[in-house]
Amino acid sequence: MFKQTALLFVCALALAACDSEKPKTTPQSAEARADNPMLKFQDETVGKAEKELNKGLENTQQRLNDADKQ
């Protein structure tokens, strides 16, 4: 049991050390995203998907509310 705990701790420590060495990227500005067609397409696709998910959530919530009323 002690060996497993020690091994898990060492793995977690190694992962934390690797993560801290990664270069931190700065978020891109809206202008840079608009200039890049792939990022623009990604933003549009994510926006459409988000709208569809919200519609589905609203529909599900409405159905649950209607079922509770019955």
PDB file of N, CA and C in Angstrom:
ATOM      1  N   MET A   1       0.829  -1.192   0.000  1.00  0.00           N
ATOM      2  CA  MET A   1       0.000   0.000   0.000  1.00  0.00           C
ATOM      3  C   MET A   1       0.874   1.258   0.000  1.00  0.00           C
ATOM      4  N   PHE A   2       1.934   1.221   0.807  1.00  0.00           N
ATOM      5  CA  PHE A   2       2.828   2.373   0.882  1.00  0.00           C
ATOM      6  C   PHE A   2       3.523   2.611  -0.451  1.00  0.00           C
ATOM      7  N   LYS A   3       3.905   1.516  -1.130  1.00  0.00           N
ATOM      8  CA  LYS A   3       4.582   1.651  -2.416  1.00  0.00           C
ATOM      9  C   LYS A   3       3.659   2.298  -3.444  1.00  0.00           C
ATOM     10  N   GLN A   4       2.390   1.886  -3.447  1.00  0.00           N
ATOM     11  CA  GLN A   4       1.431   2.457  -4.395  1.00  0.00           C
ATOM     12  C   GLN A   4       1.223   3.939  -4.130  1.00  0.00           C
ATOM     13  N   THR A   5       1.102   4.306  -2.880  1.00  0.00           N
ATOM     14  CA  THR A   5       0.908   5.705  -2.518  1.00  0.00           C
ATOM     15  C   THR A   5       2.129   6.531  -2.905  1.00  0.00           C
ATOM     16  N   ALA A   6       3.305   5.998  -2.636  1.00  0.00           N
ATOM     17  CA  ALA A   6       4.534   6.710  -2.981  1.00  0.00           C
ATOM     18  C   ALA A   6       4.665   6.863  -4.492  1.00  0.00           C
ATOM     19  N   LEU A   7       4.343   5.804  -5.236  1.00  0.00           N
ATOM     20  CA  LEU A   7       4.422   5.857  -6.694  1.00  0.00           C
ATOM     21  C   LEU A   7       3.428   6.875  -7.246  1.00  0.00           C
ATOM     22  N   LEU A   8       2.225   6.887  -6.709  1.00  0.00           N
ATOM     23  CA  LEU A   8       1.214   7.853  -7.134  1.00  0.00           C
ATOM     24  C   LEU A   8       1.677   9.281  -6.844  1.00  0.00           C
ATOM     25  N   PHE A   9       2.259   9.491  -5.686  1.00  0.00           N
ATOM     26  CA  PHE A   9       2.756  10.814  -5.318  1.00  0.00           C
ATOM     27  C   PHE A   9       3.878  11.257  -6.250  1.00  0.00           C
ATOM     28  N   VAL A  10       4.781  10.354  -6.583  1.00  0.00           N
ATOM     29  CA  VAL A  10       5.894  10.680  -7.479  1.00  0.00           C
ATOM     30  C   VAL A  10       5.369  11.022  -8.868  1.00  0.00           C
ATOM     31  N   CYS A  11       4.393  10.257  -9.355  1.00  0.00           N
ATOM     32  CA  CYS A  11       3.806  10.543 -10.674  1.00  0.00           C
ATOM     33  C   CYS A  11       3.128  11.907 -10.682  1.00  0.00           C
ATOM     34  N   ALA A  12       2.384  12.212  -9.635  1.00  0.00           N
ATOM     35  CA  ALA A  12       1.711  13.508  -9.556  1.00  0.00           C
ATOM     36  C   ALA A  12       2.729  14.639  -9.501  1.00  0.00           C
ATOM     37  N   LEU A  13       3.791  14.436  -8.772  1.00  0.00           N
ATOM     38  CA  LEU A  13       4.842  15.446  -8.678  1.00  0.00           C
ATOM     39  C   LEU A  13       5.523  15.651 -10.030  1.00  0.00           C
ATOM     40  N   ALA A  14       5.769  14.567 -10.753  1.00  0.00           N
ATOM     41  CA  ALA A  14       6.400  14.667 -12.074  1.00  0.00           C
ATOM     42  C   ALA A  14       5.484  15.388 -13.056  1.00  0.00           C
ATOM     43  N   LEU A  15       4.199  15.076 -13.022  1.00  0.00           N
ATOM     44  CA  LEU A  15       3.253  15.757 -13.905  1.00  0.00           C
ATOM     45  C   LEU A  15       3.168  17.243 -13.590  1.00  0.00           C
ATOM     46  N   ALA A  16       3.180  17.578 -12.322  1.00  0.00           N
ATOM     47  CA  ALA A  16       3.132  18.989 -11.938  1.00  0.00           C
ATOM     48  C   ALA A  16       4.384  19.716 -12.409  1.00  0.00           C
ATOM     49  N   ALA A  17       5.521  19.065 -12.331  1.00  0.00           N
ATOM     50  CA  ALA A  17       6.769  19.688 -12.782  1.00  0.00           C
ATOM     51  C   ALA A  17       6.756  19.889 -14.292  1.00  0.00           C
ATOM     52  N   CYS A  18       6.244  18.911 -15.027  1.00  0.00           N
ATOM     53  CA  CYS A  18       6.174  19.044 -16.489  1.00  0.00           C
ATOM     54  C   CYS A  18       5.222  20.165 -16.888  1.00  0.00           C
ATOM     55  N   ASP A  19       4.116  20.274 -16.180  1.00  0.00           N
ATOM     56  CA  ASP A  19       3.120  21.292 -16.509  1.00  0.00           C
ATOM     57  C   ASP A  19       3.655  22.693 -16.252  1.00  0.00           C
ATOM     58  N   SER A  20       4.461  22.850 -15.214  1.00  0.00           N
ATOM     59  CA  SER A  20       4.972  24.186 -14.892  1.00  0.00           C
ATOM     60  C   SER A  20       6.013  24.649 -15.903  1.00  0.00           C
ATOM     61  N   GLU A  21       6.603  23.725 -16.659  1.00  0.00           N
ATOM     62  CA  GLU A  21       7.616  24.090 -17.645  1.00  0.00           C
ATOM     63  C   GLU A  21       7.012  24.499 -18.982  1.00  0.00           C
ATOM     64  N   LYS A  22       5.724  24.252 -19.172  1.00  0.00           N
ATOM     65  CA  LYS A  22       5.094  24.603 -20.444  1.00  0.00           C
ATOM     66  C   LYS A  22       5.060  26.118 -20.607  1.00  0.00           C
ATOM     67  N   PRO A  23       5.331  26.601 -21.804  1.00  0.00           N
ATOM     68  CA  PRO A  23       5.215  28.045 -22.021  1.00  0.00           C
ATOM     69  C   PRO A  23       3.748  28.460 -21.985  1.00  0.00           C
ATOM     70  N   LYS A  24       3.504  29.526 -21.318  1.00  0.00           N
ATOM     71  CA  LYS A  24       2.134  30.029 -21.223  1.00  0.00           C
ATOM     72  C   LYS A  24       1.832  30.867 -22.457  1.00  0.00           C
ATOM     73  N   THR A  25       0.739  30.562 -23.109  1.00  0.00           N
ATOM     74  CA  THR A  25       0.361  31.311 -24.306  1.00  0.00           C
ATOM     75  C   THR A  25      -0.622  32.400 -23.920  1.00  0.00           C
ATOM     76  N   THR A  26      -0.531  33.506 -24.596  1.00  0.00           N
ATOM     77  CA  THR A  26      -1.451  34.601 -24.336  1.00  0.00           C
ATOM     78  C   THR A  26      -2.677  34.430 -25.214  1.00  0.00           C
ATOM     79  N   PRO A  27      -3.840  34.776 -24.726  1.00  0.00           N
ATOM     80  CA  PRO A  27      -5.033  34.668 -25.561  1.00  0.00           C
ATOM     81  C   PRO A  27      -4.953  35.623 -26.739  1.00  0.00           C
ATOM     82  N   GLN A  28      -5.465  35.173 -27.864  1.00  0.00           N
ATOM     83  CA  GLN A  28      -5.407  36.002 -29.054  1.00  0.00           C
ATOM     84  C   GLN A  28      -6.479  37.076 -28.995  1.00  0.00           C
ATOM     85  N   SER A  29      -6.154  38.218 -29.556  1.00  0.00           N
ATOM     86  CA  SER A  29      -7.118  39.304 -29.577  1.00  0.00           C
ATOM     87  C   SER A  29      -8.199  39.004 -30.605  1.00  0.00           C
ATOM     88  N   ALA A  30      -9.303  39.701 -30.511  1.00  0.00           N
ATOM     89  CA  ALA A  30     -10.416  39.498 -31.436  1.00  0.00           C
ATOM     90  C   ALA A  30     -10.010  39.834 -32.864  1.00  0.00           C
ATOM     91  N   GLU A  31      -9.155  40.818 -33.026  1.00  0.00           N
ATOM     92  CA  GLU A  31      -8.702  41.199 -34.369  1.00  0.00           C
ATOM     93  C   GLU A  31      -7.898  40.080 -35.009  1.00  0.00           C
ATOM     94  N   ALA A  32      -7.018  39.465 -34.242  1.00  0.00           N
ATOM     95  CA  ALA A  32      -6.196  38.381 -34.779  1.00  0.00           C
ATOM     96  C   ALA A  32      -7.065  37.183 -35.137  1.00  0.00           C
ATOM     97  N   ARG A  33      -8.085  36.932 -34.338  1.00  0.00           N
ATOM     98  CA  ARG A  33      -8.976  35.809 -34.638  1.00  0.00           C
ATOM     99  C   ARG A  33      -9.784  36.089 -35.894  1.00  0.00           C
ATOM    100  N   ALA A  34     -10.192  37.326 -36.091  1.00  0.00           N
ATOM    101  CA  ALA A  34     -10.977  37.671 -37.276  1.00  0.00           C
ATOM    102  C   ALA A  34     -10.137  37.575 -38.539  1.00  0.00           C
ATOM    103  N   ASP A  35      -8.837  37.831 -38.434  1.00  0.00           N
ATOM    104  CA  ASP A  35      -7.945  37.762 -39.592  1.00  0.00           C
ATOM    105  C   ASP A  35      -7.632  36.329 -40.004  1.00  0.00           C
ATOM    106  N   ASN A  36      -7.737  35.400 -39.083  1.00  0.00           N
ATOM    107  CA  ASN A  36      -7.416  34.005 -39.367  1.00  0.00           C
ATOM    108  C   ASN A  36      -8.703  33.267 -39.738  1.00  0.00           C
ATOM    109  N   PRO A  37      -8.838  32.791 -40.979  1.00  0.00           N
ATOM    110  CA  PRO A  37     -10.089  32.149 -41.392  1.00  0.00           C
ATOM    111  C   PRO A  37     -10.412  30.884 -40.604  1.00  0.00           C
ATOM    112  N   MET A  38      -9.411  30.129 -40.201  1.00  0.00           N
ATOM    113  CA  MET A  38      -9.681  28.907 -39.436  1.00  0.00           C
ATOM    114  C   MET A  38     -10.222  29.237 -38.051  1.00  0.00           C
ATOM    115  N   LEU A  39      -9.638  30.250 -37.406  1.00  0.00           N
ATOM    116  CA  LEU A  39     -10.124  30.642 -36.085  1.00  0.00           C
ATOM    117  C   LEU A  39     -11.503  31.274 -36.180  1.00  0.00           C
ATOM    118  N   LYS A  40     -11.741  32.024 -37.246  1.00  0.00           N
ATOM    119  CA  LYS A  40     -13.058  32.623 -37.451  1.00  0.00           C
ATOM    120  C   LYS A  40     -14.103  31.523 -37.629  1.00  0.00           C
ATOM    121  N   PHE A  41     -13.777  30.516 -38.441  1.00  0.00           N
ATOM    122  CA  PHE A  41     -14.683  29.387 -38.645  1.00  0.00           C
ATOM    123  C   PHE A  41     -14.927  28.651 -37.331  1.00  0.00           C
ATOM    124  N   GLN A  42     -13.870  28.470 -36.550  1.00  0.00           N
ATOM    125  CA  GLN A  42     -14.002  27.793 -35.264  1.00  0.00           C
ATOM    126  C   GLN A  42     -14.935  28.580 -34.343  1.00  0.00           C
ATOM    127  N   ASP A  43     -14.755  29.885 -34.282  1.00  0.00           N
ATOM    128  CA  ASP A  43     -15.610  30.712 -33.434  1.00  0.00           C
ATOM    129  C   ASP A  43     -17.064  30.635 -33.872  1.00  0.00           C
ATOM    130  N   GLU A  44     -17.301  30.674 -35.190  1.00  0.00           N
ATOM    131  CA  GLU A  44     -18.668  30.589 -35.698  1.00  0.00           C
ATOM    132  C   GLU A  44     -19.282  29.234 -35.370  1.00  0.00           C
ATOM    133  N   THR A  45     -18.515  28.174 -35.547  1.00  0.00           N
ATOM    134  CA  THR A  45     -19.012  26.826 -35.278  1.00  0.00           C
ATOM    135  C   THR A  45     -19.320  26.648 -33.797  1.00  0.00           C
ATOM    136  N   VAL A  46     -18.432  27.133 -32.957  1.00  0.00           N
ATOM    137  CA  VAL A  46     -18.656  27.030 -31.516  1.00  0.00           C
ATOM    138  C   VAL A  46     -19.881  27.849 -31.118  1.00  0.00           C
ATOM    139  N   GLY A  47     -20.038  29.024 -31.722  1.00  0.00           N
ATOM    140  CA  GLY A  47     -21.206  29.854 -31.434  1.00  0.00           C
ATOM    141  C   GLY A  47     -22.502  29.165 -31.824  1.00  0.00           C
ATOM    142  N   LYS A  48     -22.518  28.534 -33.006  1.00  0.00           N
ATOM    143  CA  LYS A  48     -23.711  27.810 -33.452  1.00  0.00           C
ATOM    144  C   LYS A  48     -24.009  26.637 -32.525  1.00  0.00           C
ATOM    145  N   ALA A  49     -22.979  25.903 -32.159  1.00  0.00           N
ATOM    146  CA  ALA A  49     -23.167  24.752 -31.275  1.00  0.00           C
ATOM    147  C   ALA A  49     -23.684  25.199 -29.912  1.00  0.00           C
ATOM    148  N   GLU A  50     -23.170  26.307 -29.425  1.00  0.00           N
ATOM    149  CA  GLU A  50     -23.614  26.819 -28.127  1.00  0.00           C
ATOM    150  C   GLU A  50     -25.093  27.205 -28.175  1.00  0.00           C
ATOM    151  N   LYS A  51     -25.515  27.828 -29.272  1.00  0.00           N
ATOM    152  CA  LYS A  51     -26.921  28.198 -29.421  1.00  0.00           C
ATOM    153  C   LYS A  51     -27.806  26.961 -29.450  1.00  0.00           C
ATOM    154  N   GLU A  52     -27.379  25.930 -30.187  1.00  0.00           N
ATOM    155  CA  GLU A  52     -28.157  24.695 -30.272  1.00  0.00           C
ATOM    156  C   GLU A  52     -28.243  24.012 -28.908  1.00  0.00           C
ATOM    157  N   LEU A  53     -27.139  23.995 -28.178  1.00  0.00           N
ATOM    158  CA  LEU A  53     -27.152  23.398 -26.846  1.00  0.00           C
ATOM    159  C   LEU A  53     -28.087  24.155 -25.915  1.00  0.00           C
ATOM    160  N   ASN A  54     -28.054  25.475 -25.976  1.00  0.00           N
ATOM    161  CA  ASN A  54     -28.936  26.272 -25.128  1.00  0.00           C
ATOM    162  C   ASN A  54     -30.397  26.036 -25.472  1.00  0.00           C
ATOM    163  N   LYS A  55     -30.704  25.908 -26.774  1.00  0.00           N
ATOM    164  CA  LYS A  55     -32.080  25.602 -27.179  1.00  0.00           C
ATOM    165  C   LYS A  55     -32.509  24.253 -26.619  1.00  0.00           C
ATOM    166  N   GLY A  56     -31.621  23.268 -26.711  1.00  0.00           N
ATOM    167  CA  GLY A  56     -31.927  21.941 -26.183  1.00  0.00           C
ATOM    168  C   GLY A  56     -32.124  21.960 -24.683  1.00  0.00           C
ATOM    169  N   LEU A  57     -31.297  22.724 -23.980  1.00  0.00           N
ATOM    170  CA  LEU A  57     -31.447  22.831 -22.527  1.00  0.00           C
ATOM    171  C   LEU A  57     -32.767  23.494 -22.154  1.00  0.00           C
ATOM    172  N   GLU A  58     -33.119  24.549 -22.882  1.00  0.00           N
ATOM    173  CA  GLU A  58     -34.387  25.228 -22.611  1.00  0.00           C
ATOM    174  C   GLU A  58     -35.565  24.292 -22.877  1.00  0.00           C
ATOM    175  N   ASN A  59     -35.484  23.532 -23.973  1.00  0.00           N
ATOM    176  CA  ASN A  59     -36.550  22.595 -24.315  1.00  0.00           C
ATOM    177  C   ASN A  59     -36.677  21.517 -23.237  1.00  0.00           C
ATOM    178  N   THR A  60     -35.550  20.986 -22.799  1.00  0.00           N
ATOM    179  CA  THR A  60     -35.565  19.960 -21.760  1.00  0.00           C
ATOM    180  C   THR A  60     -36.113  20.519 -20.460  1.00  0.00           C
ATOM    181  N   GLN A  61     -35.700  21.724 -20.101  1.00  0.00           N
ATOM    182  CA  GLN A  61     -36.194  22.335 -18.868  1.00  0.00           C
ATOM    183  C   GLN A  61     -37.693  22.568 -18.947  1.00  0.00           C
ATOM    184  N   GLN A  62     -38.168  22.999 -20.112  1.00  0.00           N
ATOM    185  CA  GLN A  62     -39.606  23.220 -20.294  1.00  0.00           C
ATOM    186  C   GLN A  62     -40.371  21.907 -20.150  1.00  0.00           C
ATOM    187  N   ARG A  63     -39.841  20.837 -20.730  1.00  0.00           N
ATOM    188  CA  ARG A  63     -40.501  19.528 -20.618  1.00  0.00           C
ATOM    189  C   ARG A  63     -40.530  19.051 -19.175  1.00  0.00           C
ATOM    190  N   LEU A  64     -39.435  19.268 -18.451  1.00  0.00           N
ATOM    191  CA  LEU A  64     -39.404  18.877 -17.043  1.00  0.00           C
ATOM    192  C   LEU A  64     -40.409  19.685 -16.232  1.00  0.00           C
ATOM    193  N   ASN A  65     -40.498  20.974 -16.515  1.00  0.00           N
ATOM    194  CA  ASN A  65     -41.464  21.816 -15.813  1.00  0.00           C
ATOM    195  C   ASN A  65     -42.888  21.374 -16.115  1.00  0.00           C
ATOM    196  N   ASP A  66     -43.160  21.046 -17.386  1.00  0.00           N
ATOM    197  CA  ASP A  66     -44.492  20.575 -17.764  1.00  0.00           C
ATOM    198  C   ASP A  66     -44.815  19.244 -17.095  1.00  0.00           C
ATOM    199  N   ALA A  67     -43.834  18.360 -16.994  1.00  0.00           N
ATOM    200  CA  ALA A  67     -44.051  17.067 -16.347  1.00  0.00           C
ATOM    201  C   ALA A  67     -44.305  17.249 -14.857  1.00  0.00           C
ATOM    202  N   ASP A  68     -43.640  18.217 -14.235  1.00  0.00           N
ATOM    203  CA  ASP A  68     -43.859  18.472 -12.814  1.00  0.00           C
ATOM    204  C   ASP A  68     -45.257  19.011 -12.555  1.00  0.00           C
ATOM    205  N   LYS A  69     -45.800  19.760 -13.496  1.00  0.00           N
ATOM    206  CA  LYS A  69     -47.127  20.348 -13.326  1.00  0.00           C
ATOM    207  C   LYS A  69     -48.227  19.299 -13.416  1.00  0.00           C
ATOM    208  N   GLN A  70     -47.956  18.209 -14.123  1.00  0.00           N
ATOM    209  CA  GLN A  70     -49.002  17.185 -14.313  1.00  0.00           C
ATOM    210  C   GLN A  70     -49.175  16.302 -13.126  1.00  0.00           C
TER     211      GLN A  70
END
